[in-house]
Amino acid sequence: MNRDWELFLLPYKQTVDELKVKLRGLREMYHLRKEHGPIEFVTGRVKPIKSIIMKSKTRDIPIDKLEKDMEDLAGVRIMCPFVEDIHEVVSLLKNRNDLTVIYEKDYVTNKKDSGYRSYHLICEYPVQLIDQVKIVLVEVQIRTLAMNFWASIEHSLNYKYQGEFPEEINARLQKAAESAFQLDEEMSTIREEIKEIQQDFRFRED
């Protein structure tokens, strides 16, 4: 099937761009209110065409079914300072009027065998086009900075080994994942003190 990829992916790009602006606006609102913000920073991307085609083959998804069956064509990632903030962000997203959560995957409580931790929301987002409103699927990943660091390393290694990690590398990754989670847990024990310091610093900035 021939496809104008640029035109096809445009609503997904618009979805990512709009959500990044809105979520960064939330972060700024917390700052202006001088409150602890659960959002550290936000990134997003549209899946590259090469990756789309590869995934469609490995998952046996027909090209003409991508809009319905490939949930991560558009992806937004939210990094949080603390584990507890993840659940606050999930609640914020569920209560938004411009986003409908279809289902969720809690890999924070129920980590993957690899050690991967993150909270995933599969959502519907309405995009205003020239002559219609298009409902676009978008995957939102919410994780801590430590979880994101580990996931970025694992993702890079995955390209090298194509998912077939040597036993030694796999063991080290799992150990590193546990260390990252222990760091998150340790930071949670001093969360209130850190929040007070951050707020005091912001008052001095102003």
N, C-alpha and C. Protein backbone atom coordinates (compact mmCIF):
# COMPACT_ATOMS: atom_id res chain seq x y z
N MET A 1 0.85 -1.21 0.00
CA MET A 1 0.00 0.00 0.00
C MET A 1 0.88 1.25 0.00
N ASN A 2 0.68 2.12 -1.00
CA ASN A 2 1.41 3.40 -1.04
C ASN A 2 0.77 4.38 -0.05
N ARG A 3 1.61 5.11 0.66
CA ARG A 3 1.07 6.02 1.67
C ARG A 3 1.89 7.30 1.69
N ASP A 4 1.18 8.43 1.78
CA ASP A 4 1.84 9.71 1.97
C ASP A 4 2.12 9.82 3.48
N TRP A 5 3.31 9.39 3.88
CA TRP A 5 3.63 9.29 5.30
C TRP A 5 3.60 10.65 5.99
N GLU A 6 4.08 11.67 5.31
CA GLU A 6 4.12 12.99 5.93
C GLU A 6 2.72 13.47 6.28
N LEU A 7 1.79 13.27 5.35
CA LEU A 7 0.41 13.67 5.58
C LEU A 7 -0.24 12.79 6.64
N PHE A 8 0.02 11.50 6.59
CA PHE A 8 -0.56 10.55 7.54
C PHE A 8 -0.11 10.86 8.97
N LEU A 9 1.16 11.20 9.14
CA LEU A 9 1.71 11.40 10.48
C LEU A 9 1.50 12.81 11.03
N LEU A 10 1.03 13.72 10.18
CA LEU A 10 0.84 15.11 10.62
C LEU A 10 -0.06 15.24 11.85
N PRO A 11 -1.23 14.56 11.92
CA PRO A 11 -2.05 14.68 13.14
C PRO A 11 -1.34 14.16 14.39
N TYR A 12 -0.47 13.18 14.20
CA TYR A 12 0.27 12.64 15.34
C TYR A 12 1.32 13.65 15.81
N LYS A 13 1.95 14.32 14.87
CA LYS A 13 2.91 15.36 15.22
C LYS A 13 2.21 16.50 15.94
N GLN A 14 1.02 16.85 15.45
CA GLN A 14 0.26 17.93 16.08
C GLN A 14 -0.15 17.53 17.50
N THR A 15 -0.52 16.27 17.67
CA THR A 15 -0.89 15.76 18.99
C THR A 15 0.27 15.90 19.98
N VAL A 16 1.45 15.46 19.56
CA VAL A 16 2.64 15.54 20.42
C VAL A 16 2.96 16.99 20.74
N ASP A 17 2.95 17.85 19.73
CA ASP A 17 3.28 19.26 19.94
C ASP A 17 2.31 19.93 20.92
N GLU A 18 1.01 19.66 20.74
CA GLU A 18 0.00 20.29 21.59
C GLU A 18 0.10 19.80 23.03
N LEU A 19 0.29 18.49 23.21
CA LEU A 19 0.37 17.95 24.56
C LEU A 19 1.62 18.43 25.29
N LYS A 20 2.72 18.57 24.57
CA LYS A 20 3.94 19.09 25.20
C LYS A 20 3.71 20.51 25.71
N VAL A 21 3.07 21.34 24.90
CA VAL A 21 2.79 22.72 25.32
C VAL A 21 1.87 22.73 26.54
N LYS A 22 0.82 21.93 26.51
CA LYS A 22 -0.14 21.91 27.61
C LYS A 22 0.47 21.40 28.92
N LEU A 23 1.26 20.34 28.81
CA LEU A 23 1.86 19.75 30.01
C LEU A 23 2.96 20.66 30.58
N ARG A 24 3.69 21.31 29.70
CA ARG A 24 4.69 22.28 30.19
C ARG A 24 4.01 23.47 30.82
N GLY A 25 2.82 23.79 30.33
CA GLY A 25 2.03 24.86 30.94
C GLY A 25 1.60 24.49 32.36
N LEU A 26 1.24 23.21 32.55
CA LEU A 26 0.90 22.74 33.90
C LEU A 26 2.09 22.89 34.84
N ARG A 27 3.26 22.49 34.34
CA ARG A 27 4.47 22.60 35.14
C ARG A 27 4.72 24.04 35.56
N GLU A 28 4.53 24.96 34.63
CA GLU A 28 4.74 26.37 34.91
C GLU A 28 3.72 26.89 35.92
N MET A 29 2.48 26.37 35.85
CA MET A 29 1.44 26.80 36.77
C MET A 29 1.80 26.42 38.21
N TYR A 30 2.32 25.22 38.40
CA TYR A 30 2.77 24.82 39.74
C TYR A 30 3.86 25.77 40.24
N HIS A 31 4.78 26.10 39.34
CA HIS A 31 5.89 26.99 39.71
C HIS A 31 5.37 28.36 40.14
N LEU A 32 4.43 28.91 39.37
CA LEU A 32 3.89 30.23 39.68
C LEU A 32 3.09 30.23 40.98
N ARG A 33 2.49 29.09 41.28
CA ARG A 33 1.74 28.97 42.54
C ARG A 33 2.67 28.69 43.72
N LYS A 34 3.96 28.50 43.40
CA LYS A 34 4.96 28.17 44.42
C LYS A 34 4.60 26.86 45.13
N GLU A 35 4.14 25.90 44.34
CA GLU A 35 3.80 24.57 44.85
C GLU A 35 4.75 23.55 44.24
N HIS A 36 4.88 22.42 44.93
CA HIS A 36 5.69 21.34 44.36
C HIS A 36 5.01 20.82 43.09
N GLY A 37 5.75 20.78 42.00
CA GLY A 37 5.21 20.28 40.76
C GLY A 37 5.58 18.83 40.52
N PRO A 38 4.62 17.97 40.13
CA PRO A 38 4.93 16.57 39.89
C PRO A 38 5.58 16.33 38.53
N ILE A 39 5.70 17.37 37.72
CA ILE A 39 6.29 17.24 36.38
C ILE A 39 7.65 17.93 36.36
N GLU A 40 8.69 17.15 36.10
CA GLU A 40 10.04 17.70 36.00
C GLU A 40 10.30 18.22 34.59
N PHE A 41 10.08 17.39 33.58
CA PHE A 41 10.12 17.85 32.19
C PHE A 41 9.36 16.89 31.30
N VAL A 42 9.08 17.34 30.09
CA VAL A 42 8.23 16.61 29.14
C VAL A 42 8.94 16.50 27.80
N THR A 43 8.89 15.33 27.21
CA THR A 43 9.41 15.13 25.85
C THR A 43 8.34 14.41 25.02
N GLY A 44 8.55 14.35 23.74
CA GLY A 44 7.60 13.64 22.88
C GLY A 44 8.20 13.39 21.52
N ARG A 45 7.61 12.43 20.82
CA ARG A 45 8.09 12.12 19.49
C ARG A 45 7.00 11.38 18.71
N VAL A 46 7.12 11.45 17.38
CA VAL A 46 6.32 10.61 16.50
C VAL A 46 7.23 9.48 16.03
N LYS A 47 6.74 8.26 16.06
CA LYS A 47 7.57 7.11 15.71
C LYS A 47 8.10 7.27 14.28
N PRO A 48 9.40 7.05 14.07
CA PRO A 48 9.98 7.15 12.73
C PRO A 48 9.35 6.14 11.77
N ILE A 49 9.28 6.53 10.50
CA ILE A 49 8.63 5.68 9.49
C ILE A 49 9.27 4.29 9.44
N LYS A 50 10.59 4.24 9.49
CA LYS A 50 11.29 2.96 9.44
C LYS A 50 10.86 2.06 10.59
N SER A 51 10.72 2.64 11.79
CA SER A 51 10.29 1.87 12.96
C SER A 51 8.83 1.42 12.83
N ILE A 52 8.01 2.28 12.25
CA ILE A 52 6.60 1.92 12.04
C ILE A 52 6.49 0.70 11.14
N ILE A 53 7.20 0.74 10.03
CA ILE A 53 7.14 -0.37 9.07
C ILE A 53 7.67 -1.66 9.70
N MET A 54 8.78 -1.54 10.43
CA MET A 54 9.37 -2.72 11.08
C MET A 54 8.41 -3.32 12.11
N LYS A 55 7.80 -2.45 12.92
CA LYS A 55 6.88 -2.94 13.94
C LYS A 55 5.62 -3.53 13.31
N SER A 56 5.17 -2.94 12.21
CA SER A 56 3.97 -3.47 11.55
C SER A 56 4.21 -4.89 11.04
N LYS A 57 5.44 -5.17 10.66
CA LYS A 57 5.78 -6.51 10.19
C LYS A 57 5.92 -7.49 11.35
N THR A 58 6.63 -7.07 12.41
CA THR A 58 6.85 -7.99 13.54
C THR A 58 5.56 -8.23 14.32
N ARG A 59 4.67 -7.25 14.36
CA ARG A 59 3.40 -7.41 15.08
C ARG A 59 2.25 -7.82 14.16
N ASP A 60 2.57 -7.99 12.87
CA ASP A 60 1.57 -8.40 11.88
C ASP A 60 0.38 -7.43 11.85
N ILE A 61 0.72 -6.13 11.79
CA ILE A 61 -0.30 -5.08 11.70
C ILE A 61 -0.33 -4.55 10.27
N PRO A 62 -1.44 -4.72 9.55
CA PRO A 62 -1.53 -4.19 8.19
C PRO A 62 -1.36 -2.67 8.19
N ILE A 63 -0.74 -2.16 7.15
CA ILE A 63 -0.49 -0.71 7.06
C ILE A 63 -1.78 0.09 7.17
N ASP A 64 -2.87 -0.45 6.60
CA ASP A 64 -4.13 0.29 6.64
C ASP A 64 -4.85 0.18 7.99
N LYS A 65 -4.24 -0.53 8.95
CA LYS A 65 -4.82 -0.66 10.28
C LYS A 65 -3.98 0.05 11.36
N LEU A 66 -3.00 0.81 10.92
CA LEU A 66 -2.08 1.43 11.87
C LEU A 66 -2.78 2.36 12.85
N GLU A 67 -3.73 3.15 12.38
CA GLU A 67 -4.39 4.13 13.23
C GLU A 67 -5.08 3.48 14.42
N LYS A 68 -5.59 2.29 14.23
CA LYS A 68 -6.34 1.60 15.27
C LYS A 68 -5.47 0.66 16.10
N ASP A 69 -4.51 0.00 15.45
CA ASP A 69 -3.80 -1.10 16.10
C ASP A 69 -2.38 -0.76 16.58
N MET A 70 -1.82 0.38 16.17
CA MET A 70 -0.50 0.76 16.66
C MET A 70 -0.68 1.97 17.57
N GLU A 71 -0.55 1.71 18.88
CA GLU A 71 -0.95 2.71 19.87
C GLU A 71 0.10 3.75 20.17
N ASP A 72 1.33 3.53 19.70
CA ASP A 72 2.41 4.45 20.07
C ASP A 72 2.99 5.20 18.87
N LEU A 73 2.18 5.44 17.84
CA LEU A 73 2.64 6.28 16.73
C LEU A 73 3.02 7.66 17.28
N ALA A 74 2.19 8.14 18.20
CA ALA A 74 2.51 9.39 18.93
C ALA A 74 2.85 9.01 20.35
N GLY A 75 3.94 9.56 20.87
CA GLY A 75 4.35 9.24 22.23
C GLY A 75 4.79 10.48 22.99
N VAL A 76 4.31 10.59 24.22
CA VAL A 76 4.71 11.69 25.11
C VAL A 76 5.26 11.07 26.39
N ARG A 77 6.35 11.62 26.88
CA ARG A 77 6.98 11.09 28.08
C ARG A 77 7.07 12.20 29.13
N ILE A 78 6.60 11.88 30.34
CA ILE A 78 6.61 12.83 31.44
C ILE A 78 7.54 12.30 32.52
N MET A 79 8.55 13.09 32.89
CA MET A 79 9.47 12.71 33.94
C MET A 79 9.07 13.41 35.25
N CYS A 80 9.07 12.64 36.33
CA CYS A 80 8.66 13.13 37.64
C CYS A 80 9.83 13.10 38.62
N PRO A 81 9.84 14.01 39.59
CA PRO A 81 10.91 14.00 40.59
C PRO A 81 10.86 12.77 41.50
N PHE A 82 9.63 12.36 41.90
CA PHE A 82 9.48 11.27 42.87
C PHE A 82 8.48 10.24 42.37
N VAL A 83 8.59 9.01 42.89
CA VAL A 83 7.66 7.94 42.50
C VAL A 83 6.22 8.35 42.80
N GLU A 84 6.01 8.99 43.96
CA GLU A 84 4.66 9.39 44.33
C GLU A 84 4.05 10.36 43.32
N ASP A 85 4.89 11.14 42.66
CA ASP A 85 4.41 12.11 41.68
C ASP A 85 3.79 11.42 40.45
N ILE A 86 4.25 10.22 40.16
CA ILE A 86 3.73 9.48 39.01
C ILE A 86 2.22 9.33 39.12
N HIS A 87 1.76 8.92 40.29
CA HIS A 87 0.32 8.70 40.48
C HIS A 87 -0.46 10.01 40.46
N GLU A 88 0.19 11.09 40.91
CA GLU A 88 -0.48 12.40 40.84
C GLU A 88 -0.66 12.82 39.39
N VAL A 89 0.37 12.58 38.55
CA VAL A 89 0.27 12.91 37.13
C VAL A 89 -0.78 12.05 36.44
N VAL A 90 -0.83 10.77 36.79
CA VAL A 90 -1.85 9.88 36.22
C VAL A 90 -3.24 10.43 36.53
N SER A 91 -3.45 10.85 37.77
CA SER A 91 -4.74 11.40 38.17
C SER A 91 -5.06 12.69 37.41
N LEU A 92 -4.04 13.54 37.25
CA LEU A 92 -4.23 14.79 36.49
C LEU A 92 -4.68 14.50 35.06
N LEU A 93 -4.04 13.54 34.43
CA LEU A 93 -4.36 13.21 33.04
C LEU A 93 -5.75 12.61 32.90
N LYS A 94 -6.11 11.76 33.85
CA LYS A 94 -7.44 11.13 33.80
C LYS A 94 -8.56 12.15 33.96
N ASN A 95 -8.27 13.26 34.64
CA ASN A 95 -9.30 14.28 34.89
C ASN A 95 -9.35 15.37 33.83
N ARG A 96 -8.51 15.26 32.81
CA ARG A 96 -8.51 16.27 31.75
C ARG A 96 -9.70 16.07 30.81
N ASN A 97 -10.22 17.19 30.29
CA ASN A 97 -11.35 17.13 29.36
C ASN A 97 -10.92 16.88 27.92
N ASP A 98 -9.63 17.11 27.63
CA ASP A 98 -9.16 16.99 26.25
C ASP A 98 -8.40 15.69 26.02
N LEU A 99 -8.50 14.75 26.96
CA LEU A 99 -7.77 13.50 26.85
C LEU A 99 -8.63 12.39 27.44
N THR A 100 -8.77 11.29 26.72
CA THR A 100 -9.56 10.16 27.22
C THR A 100 -8.65 8.96 27.37
N VAL A 101 -8.50 8.48 28.60
CA VAL A 101 -7.66 7.31 28.85
C VAL A 101 -8.43 6.06 28.47
N ILE A 102 -7.86 5.27 27.55
CA ILE A 102 -8.50 4.03 27.10
C ILE A 102 -8.13 2.89 28.03
N TYR A 103 -6.86 2.74 28.32
CA TYR A 103 -6.42 1.78 29.32
C TYR A 103 -5.03 2.15 29.79
N GLU A 104 -4.60 1.49 30.86
CA GLU A 104 -3.31 1.83 31.47
C GLU A 104 -2.50 0.58 31.77
N LYS A 105 -1.20 0.75 31.83
CA LYS A 105 -0.28 -0.34 32.17
C LYS A 105 0.64 0.15 33.27
N ASP A 106 0.51 -0.42 34.45
CA ASP A 106 1.31 0.00 35.59
C ASP A 106 2.54 -0.89 35.72
N TYR A 107 3.63 -0.44 35.09
CA TYR A 107 4.90 -1.15 35.19
C TYR A 107 5.75 -0.60 36.34
N VAL A 108 5.17 0.32 37.12
CA VAL A 108 5.87 0.81 38.31
C VAL A 108 5.67 -0.20 39.45
N THR A 109 4.42 -0.56 39.68
CA THR A 109 4.10 -1.56 40.69
C THR A 109 4.45 -2.96 40.20
N ASN A 110 4.15 -3.21 38.93
CA ASN A 110 4.40 -4.53 38.33
C ASN A 110 5.46 -4.40 37.25
N LYS A 111 6.71 -4.40 37.66
CA LYS A 111 7.81 -4.20 36.72
C LYS A 111 7.87 -5.35 35.71
N LYS A 112 8.46 -5.06 34.54
CA LYS A 112 8.70 -6.09 33.55
C LYS A 112 9.86 -6.98 34.02
N ASP A 113 9.96 -8.16 33.41
CA ASP A 113 11.03 -9.10 33.78
C ASP A 113 12.41 -8.47 33.61
N SER A 114 12.53 -7.57 32.65
CA SER A 114 13.82 -6.93 32.38
C SER A 114 14.24 -5.96 33.48
N GLY A 115 13.26 -5.56 34.31
CA GLY A 115 13.52 -4.55 35.33
C GLY A 115 12.89 -3.21 34.98
N TYR A 116 12.32 -3.11 33.78
CA TYR A 116 11.72 -1.86 33.30
C TYR A 116 10.56 -1.43 34.19
N ARG A 117 10.58 -0.14 34.55
CA ARG A 117 9.49 0.45 35.31
C ARG A 117 9.04 1.75 34.65
N SER A 118 7.74 1.92 34.53
CA SER A 118 7.15 3.13 33.98
C SER A 118 5.64 2.95 34.05
N TYR A 119 4.91 4.04 33.95
CA TYR A 119 3.44 3.98 33.94
C TYR A 119 2.98 4.44 32.56
N HIS A 120 2.23 3.58 31.87
CA HIS A 120 1.80 3.89 30.51
C HIS A 120 0.29 4.13 30.48
N LEU A 121 -0.10 5.17 29.79
CA LEU A 121 -1.51 5.43 29.52
C LEU A 121 -1.70 5.46 28.00
N ILE A 122 -2.65 4.69 27.51
CA ILE A 122 -3.04 4.77 26.11
C ILE A 122 -4.28 5.66 26.05
N CYS A 123 -4.17 6.76 25.32
CA CYS A 123 -5.21 7.78 25.34
C CYS A 123 -5.70 8.13 23.94
N GLU A 124 -6.90 8.68 23.91
CA GLU A 124 -7.43 9.29 22.69
C GLU A 124 -7.35 10.80 22.84
N TYR A 125 -6.89 11.46 21.79
CA TYR A 125 -6.76 12.92 21.82
C TYR A 125 -7.37 13.50 20.55
N PRO A 126 -8.26 14.48 20.66
CA PRO A 126 -8.89 15.08 19.48
C PRO A 126 -8.02 16.17 18.85
N VAL A 127 -7.74 16.02 17.58
CA VAL A 127 -6.93 17.00 16.85
C VAL A 127 -7.82 17.72 15.83
N GLN A 128 -7.78 19.05 15.88
CA GLN A 128 -8.55 19.84 14.94
C GLN A 128 -7.79 19.97 13.62
N LEU A 129 -8.31 19.35 12.57
CA LEU A 129 -7.72 19.48 11.24
C LEU A 129 -8.48 20.55 10.45
N ILE A 130 -8.20 20.67 9.17
CA ILE A 130 -8.83 21.71 8.36
C ILE A 130 -10.34 21.58 8.37
N ASP A 131 -10.83 20.35 8.14
CA ASP A 131 -12.27 20.17 7.96
C ASP A 131 -12.87 19.10 8.88
N GLN A 132 -12.12 18.67 9.87
CA GLN A 132 -12.64 17.64 10.76
C GLN A 132 -11.84 17.59 12.06
N VAL A 133 -12.42 16.92 13.04
CA VAL A 133 -11.71 16.61 14.26
C VAL A 133 -11.33 15.13 14.20
N LYS A 134 -10.03 14.87 14.29
CA LYS A 134 -9.55 13.50 14.19
C LYS A 134 -9.14 13.00 15.58
N ILE A 135 -9.62 11.83 15.95
CA ILE A 135 -9.26 11.23 17.23
C ILE A 135 -7.99 10.40 17.03
N VAL A 136 -6.94 10.78 17.74
CA VAL A 136 -5.62 10.16 17.57
C VAL A 136 -5.25 9.39 18.83
N LEU A 137 -4.70 8.19 18.65
CA LEU A 137 -4.18 7.44 19.78
C LEU A 137 -2.79 7.96 20.13
N VAL A 138 -2.54 8.11 21.42
CA VAL A 138 -1.22 8.57 21.89
C VAL A 138 -0.86 7.79 23.15
N GLU A 139 0.38 7.37 23.23
CA GLU A 139 0.86 6.69 24.43
C GLU A 139 1.60 7.70 25.31
N VAL A 140 1.18 7.80 26.57
CA VAL A 140 1.84 8.68 27.53
C VAL A 140 2.58 7.81 28.54
N GLN A 141 3.88 8.03 28.65
CA GLN A 141 4.70 7.30 29.61
C GLN A 141 5.08 8.25 30.74
N ILE A 142 4.87 7.79 31.97
CA ILE A 142 5.19 8.61 33.14
C ILE A 142 6.19 7.83 34.00
N ARG A 143 7.31 8.46 34.31
CA ARG A 143 8.36 7.76 35.06
C ARG A 143 9.22 8.77 35.82
N THR A 144 10.03 8.27 36.72
CA THR A 144 10.97 9.14 37.43
C THR A 144 12.23 9.33 36.58
N LEU A 145 13.07 10.25 37.02
CA LEU A 145 14.32 10.49 36.31
C LEU A 145 15.22 9.25 36.35
N ALA A 146 15.23 8.55 37.49
CA ALA A 146 16.04 7.34 37.60
C ALA A 146 15.53 6.25 36.68
N MET A 147 14.21 6.07 36.62
CA MET A 147 13.61 5.09 35.72
C MET A 147 13.94 5.42 34.27
N ASN A 148 13.91 6.72 33.94
CA ASN A 148 14.16 7.14 32.58
C ASN A 148 15.62 6.90 32.17
N PHE A 149 16.53 7.14 33.12
CA PHE A 149 17.95 6.90 32.84
C PHE A 149 18.17 5.43 32.50
N TRP A 150 17.61 4.55 33.33
CA TRP A 150 17.77 3.11 33.08
C TRP A 150 17.14 2.71 31.74
N ALA A 151 15.93 3.20 31.48
CA ALA A 151 15.22 2.83 30.26
C ALA A 151 15.97 3.31 29.01
N SER A 152 16.61 4.48 29.10
CA SER A 152 17.38 5.01 27.96
C SER A 152 18.58 4.12 27.65
N ILE A 153 19.26 3.65 28.70
CA ILE A 153 20.41 2.75 28.51
C ILE A 153 19.94 1.42 27.93
N GLU A 154 18.85 0.89 28.48
CA GLU A 154 18.32 -0.39 28.01
C GLU A 154 17.89 -0.29 26.54
N HIS A 155 17.31 0.84 26.19
CA HIS A 155 16.85 1.05 24.81
C HIS A 155 18.03 1.08 23.84
N SER A 156 19.11 1.74 24.25
CA SER A 156 20.31 1.81 23.41
C SER A 156 20.93 0.42 23.22
N LEU A 157 21.01 -0.34 24.31
CA LEU A 157 21.57 -1.69 24.23
C LEU A 157 20.68 -2.61 23.39
N ASN A 158 19.39 -2.34 23.42
CA ASN A 158 18.45 -3.16 22.66
C ASN A 158 18.72 -3.05 21.16
N TYR A 159 19.13 -1.85 20.72
CA TYR A 159 19.47 -1.68 19.30
C TYR A 159 20.68 -2.54 18.93
N LYS A 160 21.64 -2.61 19.84
CA LYS A 160 22.85 -3.37 19.57
C LYS A 160 22.59 -4.87 19.55
N TYR A 161 21.80 -5.33 20.54
CA TYR A 161 21.61 -6.78 20.69
C TYR A 161 20.27 -7.27 20.14
N GLN A 162 19.43 -6.35 19.62
CA GLN A 162 18.13 -6.71 19.06
C GLN A 162 17.29 -7.52 20.05
N GLY A 163 17.34 -7.12 21.32
CA GLY A 163 16.52 -7.76 22.34
C GLY A 163 17.09 -9.05 22.91
N GLU A 164 18.13 -9.58 22.28
CA GLU A 164 18.75 -10.83 22.74
C GLU A 164 20.01 -10.50 23.54
N PHE A 165 19.83 -10.05 24.77
CA PHE A 165 20.96 -9.64 25.58
C PHE A 165 21.77 -10.84 26.04
N PRO A 166 23.11 -10.72 26.04
CA PRO A 166 23.93 -11.76 26.67
C PRO A 166 23.54 -11.88 28.14
N GLU A 167 23.71 -13.06 28.69
CA GLU A 167 23.28 -13.31 30.07
C GLU A 167 23.91 -12.34 31.06
N GLU A 168 25.19 -12.03 30.87
CA GLU A 168 25.88 -11.12 31.78
C GLU A 168 25.29 -9.71 31.71
N ILE A 169 25.04 -9.24 30.48
CA ILE A 169 24.45 -7.91 30.31
C ILE A 169 23.05 -7.87 30.91
N ASN A 170 22.29 -8.91 30.69
CA ASN A 170 20.93 -8.97 31.22
C ASN A 170 20.94 -8.91 32.75
N ALA A 171 21.85 -9.64 33.36
CA ALA A 171 21.96 -9.64 34.82
C ALA A 171 22.34 -8.26 35.34
N ARG A 172 23.27 -7.60 34.65
CA ARG A 172 23.69 -6.27 35.07
C ARG A 172 22.56 -5.25 34.92
N LEU A 173 21.78 -5.38 33.85
CA LEU A 173 20.65 -4.48 33.64
C LEU A 173 19.63 -4.63 34.75
N GLN A 174 19.33 -5.87 35.12
CA GLN A 174 18.36 -6.09 36.18
C GLN A 174 18.87 -5.54 37.52
N LYS A 175 20.16 -5.72 37.76
CA LYS A 175 20.75 -5.18 38.99
C LYS A 175 20.70 -3.66 38.99
N ALA A 176 20.99 -3.07 37.84
CA ALA A 176 20.94 -1.61 37.72
C ALA A 176 19.52 -1.09 37.90
N ALA A 177 18.54 -1.84 37.39
CA ALA A 177 17.14 -1.44 37.54
C ALA A 177 16.74 -1.41 39.01
N GLU A 178 17.18 -2.41 39.77
CA GLU A 178 16.88 -2.44 41.18
C GLU A 178 17.57 -1.30 41.93
N SER A 179 18.80 -0.99 41.51
CA SER A 179 19.52 0.13 42.13
C SER A 179 18.81 1.44 41.87
N ALA A 180 18.31 1.61 40.64
CA ALA A 180 17.58 2.83 40.29
C ALA A 180 16.31 2.95 41.12
N PHE A 181 15.62 1.82 41.32
CA PHE A 181 14.38 1.87 42.10
C PHE A 181 14.68 2.13 43.57
N GLN A 182 15.77 1.57 44.07
CA GLN A 182 16.17 1.84 45.45
C GLN A 182 16.49 3.32 45.64
N LEU A 183 17.09 3.93 44.62
CA LEU A 183 17.36 5.37 44.68
C LEU A 183 16.05 6.14 44.78
N ASP A 184 15.06 5.76 43.95
CA ASP A 184 13.76 6.42 44.01
C ASP A 184 13.13 6.26 45.39
N GLU A 185 13.22 5.07 45.94
CA GLU A 185 12.63 4.83 47.27
C GLU A 185 13.34 5.66 48.34
N GLU A 186 14.66 5.75 48.23
CA GLU A 186 15.43 6.53 49.20
C GLU A 186 15.08 8.02 49.11
N MET A 187 14.94 8.51 47.88
CA MET A 187 14.58 9.91 47.70
C MET A 187 13.18 10.20 48.24
N SER A 188 12.30 9.20 48.17
CA SER A 188 10.95 9.38 48.69
C SER A 188 10.94 9.59 50.19
N THR A 189 11.92 9.01 50.88
CA THR A 189 11.97 9.15 52.34
C THR A 189 12.30 10.57 52.77
N ILE A 190 12.94 11.33 51.87
CA ILE A 190 13.27 12.73 52.20
C ILE A 190 12.52 13.69 51.27
N ARG A 191 11.43 13.19 50.73
CA ARG A 191 10.66 13.96 49.75
C ARG A 191 10.16 15.29 50.31
N GLU A 192 9.60 15.27 51.52
CA GLU A 192 9.04 16.49 52.09
C GLU A 192 10.12 17.53 52.35
N GLU A 193 11.27 17.08 52.81
CA GLU A 193 12.38 18.02 53.06
C GLU A 193 12.86 18.63 51.75
N ILE A 194 12.97 17.81 50.71
CA ILE A 194 13.41 18.32 49.40
C ILE A 194 12.40 19.31 48.86
N LYS A 195 11.11 19.03 49.01
CA LYS A 195 10.07 19.94 48.54
C LYS A 195 10.17 21.30 49.23
N GLU A 196 10.44 21.28 50.54
CA GLU A 196 10.58 22.53 51.29
C GLU A 196 11.77 23.34 50.79
N ILE A 197 12.88 22.64 50.52
CA ILE A 197 14.08 23.32 50.01
C ILE A 197 13.80 23.93 48.64
N GLN A 198 13.13 23.17 47.78
CA GLN A 198 12.81 23.66 46.44
C GLN A 198 11.93 24.89 46.50
N GLN A 199 10.91 24.86 47.38
CA GLN A 199 10.01 25.99 47.49
C GLN A 199 10.74 27.21 48.04
N ASP A 200 11.61 26.99 49.03
CA ASP A 200 12.38 28.09 49.60
C ASP A 200 13.28 28.72 48.54
N PHE A 201 13.88 27.87 47.68
CA PHE A 201 14.74 28.36 46.62
C PHE A 201 13.96 29.18 45.60
N ARG A 202 12.73 28.73 45.30
CA ARG A 202 11.90 29.47 44.35
C ARG A 202 11.50 30.82 44.90
N PHE A 203 11.19 30.88 46.22
CA PHE A 203 10.85 32.17 46.83
C PHE A 203 12.01 33.15 46.70
N ARG A 204 13.23 32.65 46.90
CA ARG A 204 14.41 33.51 46.81
C ARG A 204 14.65 33.97 45.37
N GLU A 205 14.33 33.08 44.42
CA GLU A 205 14.46 33.45 43.00
C GLU A 205 13.55 34.62 42.66
N ASP A 206 12.32 34.55 43.21
CA ASP A 206 11.34 35.59 42.92
C ASP A 206 11.67 36.89 43.63
